[in-house]
Amino acid sequence: MIPTLVGEIRRTDKEKVLRVALSTLMNLSEVDEAVELMVENRLINEIDVISRRVIKDPDVAELVRNMGDLLQKSMKILSTYEKYLKELNRGDLVPGVTHSEKFWKENFRQFESNKFENVQ
């Protein structure tokens, strides 16, 4: 459902659609896995694009701000080495924040321990 909502946000210019989609995502944000999916589906990019538009509906403007704040905080948490190890141990490396160039630059020293056994 989250990839579908992000896709609709990406495609629409209608504020009513944005309000419904963003409200739904905000409600889902209480679940950590849902926020991870939002980050992995690059919702932050869409929020950035929308925030540059002129938004007439104050509710939509507030949703955009709140979602942007939530995703910014979550990206800092989700882009950690521990998140990468969690994915690795699950056997489910998912393209996203933990696989960005920034992540590797910040964490390359941690991979040197244990003779690079955590590099996949």
C-alpha atoms as a PDB file:
ATOM      1  CA  MET A   1       0.000   0.000   0.000  1.00  0.00           C
ATOM      2  CA  ILE A   2       2.820   2.431   0.822  1.00  0.00           C
ATOM      3  CA  PRO A   3       4.505   2.177  -2.599  1.00  0.00           C
ATOM      4  CA  THR A   4       1.113   2.787  -4.226  1.00  0.00           C
ATOM      5  CA  LEU A   5       0.453   5.880  -2.097  1.00  0.00           C
ATOM      6  CA  VAL A   6       3.924   7.259  -2.799  1.00  0.00           C
ATOM      7  CA  GLY A   7       3.336   6.648  -6.509  1.00  0.00           C
ATOM      8  CA  GLU A   8       0.059   8.561  -6.387  1.00  0.00           C
ATOM      9  CA  ILE A   9       1.737  11.430  -4.559  1.00  0.00           C
ATOM     10  CA  ARG A  10       4.418  11.426  -7.252  1.00  0.00           C
ATOM     11  CA  ARG A  11       1.846  11.589 -10.077  1.00  0.00           C
ATOM     12  CA  THR A  12      -0.760  14.011  -8.771  1.00  0.00           C
ATOM     13  CA  ASP A  13      -1.099  17.756  -8.594  1.00  0.00           C
ATOM     14  CA  LYS A  14      -4.474  17.635  -6.851  1.00  0.00           C
ATOM     15  CA  GLU A  15      -4.423  18.758  -3.251  1.00  0.00           C
ATOM     16  CA  LYS A  16      -7.354  16.500  -2.324  1.00  0.00           C
ATOM     17  CA  VAL A  17      -5.389  13.432  -3.394  1.00  0.00           C
ATOM     18  CA  LEU A  18      -2.338  14.696  -1.525  1.00  0.00           C
ATOM     19  CA  ARG A  19      -4.400  15.235   1.625  1.00  0.00           C
ATOM     20  CA  VAL A  20      -5.807  11.706   1.588  1.00  0.00           C
ATOM     21  CA  ALA A  21      -2.496  10.031   0.720  1.00  0.00           C
ATOM     22  CA  LEU A  22      -0.435  12.013   3.220  1.00  0.00           C
ATOM     23  CA  SER A  23      -3.031  11.567   5.975  1.00  0.00           C
ATOM     24  CA  THR A  24      -2.985   7.829   5.388  1.00  0.00           C
ATOM     25  CA  LEU A  25       0.808   7.733   5.478  1.00  0.00           C
ATOM     26  CA  MET A  26       0.883   9.821   8.662  1.00  0.00           C
ATOM     27  CA  ASN A  27      -1.502   7.335  10.298  1.00  0.00           C
ATOM     28  CA  LEU A  28       0.697   4.449   9.162  1.00  0.00           C
ATOM     29  CA  SER A  29       3.815   6.190  10.474  1.00  0.00           C
ATOM     30  CA  GLU A  30       3.107   4.854  13.950  1.00  0.00           C
ATOM     31  CA  VAL A  31       4.492   1.522  12.701  1.00  0.00           C
ATOM     32  CA  ASP A  32       8.301   1.503  12.326  1.00  0.00           C
ATOM     33  CA  GLU A  33       8.247  -0.828   9.329  1.00  0.00           C
ATOM     34  CA  ALA A  34       5.870   1.550   7.541  1.00  0.00           C
ATOM     35  CA  VAL A  35       8.266   4.465   8.013  1.00  0.00           C
ATOM     36  CA  GLU A  36      11.109   2.313   6.696  1.00  0.00           C
ATOM     37  CA  LEU A  37       9.049   1.609   3.573  1.00  0.00           C
ATOM     38  CA  MET A  38       8.326   5.316   3.142  1.00  0.00           C
ATOM     39  CA  VAL A  39      12.046   6.066   3.303  1.00  0.00           C
ATOM     40  CA  GLU A  40      12.914   3.202   0.959  1.00  0.00           C
ATOM     41  CA  ASN A  41      10.287   4.415  -1.541  1.00  0.00           C
ATOM     42  CA  ARG A  42      11.909   7.855  -1.467  1.00  0.00           C
ATOM     43  CA  LEU A  43       8.874   9.707  -0.156  1.00  0.00           C
ATOM     44  CA  ILE A  44      11.222  12.409   1.126  1.00  0.00           C
ATOM     45  CA  ASN A  45      11.996  13.356  -2.489  1.00  0.00           C
ATOM     46  CA  GLU A  46       8.306  13.820  -3.235  1.00  0.00           C
ATOM     47  CA  ILE A  47       7.790  15.835  -0.057  1.00  0.00           C
ATOM     48  CA  ASP A  48      10.661  18.084  -1.126  1.00  0.00           C
ATOM     49  CA  VAL A  49       9.070  18.664  -4.547  1.00  0.00           C
ATOM     50  CA  ILE A  50       5.640  19.329  -3.051  1.00  0.00           C
ATOM     51  CA  SER A  51       7.016  21.732  -0.448  1.00  0.00           C
ATOM     52  CA  ARG A  52       8.293  23.983  -3.247  1.00  0.00           C
ATOM     53  CA  ARG A  53       4.812  24.349  -4.735  1.00  0.00           C
ATOM     54  CA  VAL A  54       2.226  26.898  -3.772  1.00  0.00           C
ATOM     55  CA  ILE A  55      -0.207  24.961  -1.604  1.00  0.00           C
ATOM     56  CA  LYS A  56      -3.583  26.601  -1.086  1.00  0.00           C
ATOM     57  CA  ASP A  57      -4.953  24.145   1.472  1.00  0.00           C
ATOM     58  CA  PRO A  58      -3.384  24.845   4.885  1.00  0.00           C
ATOM     59  CA  ASP A  59      -4.074  21.251   5.993  1.00  0.00           C
ATOM     60  CA  VAL A  60      -2.031  19.892   3.098  1.00  0.00           C
ATOM     61  CA  ALA A  61       0.776  22.361   3.819  1.00  0.00           C
ATOM     62  CA  GLU A  62       0.851  21.189   7.438  1.00  0.00           C
ATOM     63  CA  LEU A  63       0.828  17.514   6.392  1.00  0.00           C
ATOM     64  CA  VAL A  64       3.747  18.167   4.040  1.00  0.00           C
ATOM     65  CA  ARG A  65       5.728  19.869   6.828  1.00  0.00           C
ATOM     66  CA  ASN A  66       4.949  17.140   9.364  1.00  0.00           C
ATOM     67  CA  MET A  67       5.768  14.330   6.950  1.00  0.00           C
ATOM     68  CA  GLY A  68       9.010  16.053   5.954  1.00  0.00           C
ATOM     69  CA  ASP A  69      10.037  16.387   9.612  1.00  0.00           C
ATOM     70  CA  LEU A  70       9.153  12.765  10.331  1.00  0.00           C
ATOM     71  CA  LEU A  71      11.096  11.466   7.345  1.00  0.00           C
ATOM     72  CA  GLN A  72      14.143  13.620   8.076  1.00  0.00           C
ATOM     73  CA  LYS A  73      14.320  12.236  11.627  1.00  0.00           C
ATOM     74  CA  SER A  74      13.705   8.692  10.406  1.00  0.00           C
ATOM     75  CA  MET A  75      16.373   8.883   7.726  1.00  0.00           C
ATOM     76  CA  LYS A  76      18.973   9.734  10.345  1.00  0.00           C
ATOM     77  CA  ILE A  77      17.936   6.720  12.396  1.00  0.00           C
ATOM     78  CA  LEU A  78      17.453   4.352   9.461  1.00  0.00           C
ATOM     79  CA  SER A  79      20.746   5.133   7.776  1.00  0.00           C
ATOM     80  CA  THR A  80      22.835   3.607  10.522  1.00  0.00           C
ATOM     81  CA  TYR A  81      25.223   0.704  10.410  1.00  0.00           C
ATOM     82  CA  GLU A  82      22.962  -1.187  12.818  1.00  0.00           C
ATOM     83  CA  LYS A  83      20.092  -0.996  10.297  1.00  0.00           C
ATOM     84  CA  TYR A  84      22.386  -2.463   7.666  1.00  0.00           C
ATOM     85  CA  LEU A  85      23.369  -5.328   9.991  1.00  0.00           C
ATOM     86  CA  LYS A  86      19.709  -5.978  10.774  1.00  0.00           C
ATOM     87  CA  GLU A  87      18.930  -6.285   7.062  1.00  0.00           C
ATOM     88  CA  LEU A  88      21.996  -8.454   6.523  1.00  0.00           C
ATOM     89  CA  ASN A  89      21.053 -10.848   9.331  1.00  0.00           C
ATOM     90  CA  ARG A  90      17.504 -11.102   7.958  1.00  0.00           C
ATOM     91  CA  GLY A  91      18.958 -11.933   4.564  1.00  0.00           C
ATOM     92  CA  ASP A  92      16.944  -9.098   3.099  1.00  0.00           C
ATOM     93  CA  LEU A  93      19.182  -6.282   1.881  1.00  0.00           C
ATOM     94  CA  VAL A  94      16.799  -3.682   0.515  1.00  0.00           C
ATOM     95  CA  PRO A  95      17.983  -0.808  -1.672  1.00  0.00           C
ATOM     96  CA  GLY A  96      17.531   2.403   0.250  1.00  0.00           C
ATOM     97  CA  VAL A  97      19.191   4.750   2.682  1.00  0.00           C
ATOM     98  CA  THR A  98      21.598   2.148   4.054  1.00  0.00           C
ATOM     99  CA  HIS A  99      22.974   1.535   0.591  1.00  0.00           C
ATOM    100  CA  SER A 100      23.741   5.093  -0.418  1.00  0.00           C
ATOM    101  CA  GLU A 101      27.155   6.534  -1.106  1.00  0.00           C
ATOM    102  CA  LYS A 102      26.817   8.678   2.024  1.00  0.00           C
ATOM    103  CA  PHE A 103      26.199   5.583   4.168  1.00  0.00           C
ATOM    104  CA  TRP A 104      29.312   3.845   2.850  1.00  0.00           C
ATOM    105  CA  LYS A 105      31.479   6.938   3.323  1.00  0.00           C
ATOM    106  CA  GLU A 106      30.308   7.327   6.921  1.00  0.00           C
ATOM    107  CA  ASN A 107      30.600   3.646   7.857  1.00  0.00           C
ATOM    108  CA  PHE A 108      33.435   2.139   5.814  1.00  0.00           C
ATOM    109  CA  ARG A 109      35.692   1.793   8.865  1.00  0.00           C
ATOM    110  CA  GLN A 110      33.146  -0.381  10.648  1.00  0.00           C
ATOM    111  CA  PHE A 111      33.269  -2.871   7.782  1.00  0.00           C
ATOM    112  CA  GLU A 112      37.008  -3.372   8.243  1.00  0.00           C
ATOM    113  CA  SER A 113      36.423  -5.134  11.556  1.00  0.00           C
ATOM    114  CA  ASN A 114      36.029  -8.919  11.348  1.00  0.00           C
ATOM    115  CA  LYS A 115      37.872  -8.994   8.002  1.00  0.00           C
ATOM    116  CA  PHE A 116      34.999  -7.434   6.040  1.00  0.00           C
ATOM    117  CA  GLU A 117      32.581 -10.263   6.854  1.00  0.00           C
ATOM    118  CA  ASN A 118      29.639  -7.814   6.863  1.00  0.00           C
ATOM    119  CA  VAL A 119      30.184  -6.730   3.270  1.00  0.00           C
ATOM    120  CA  GLN A 120      27.645  -8.340   0.960  1.00  0.00           C
END
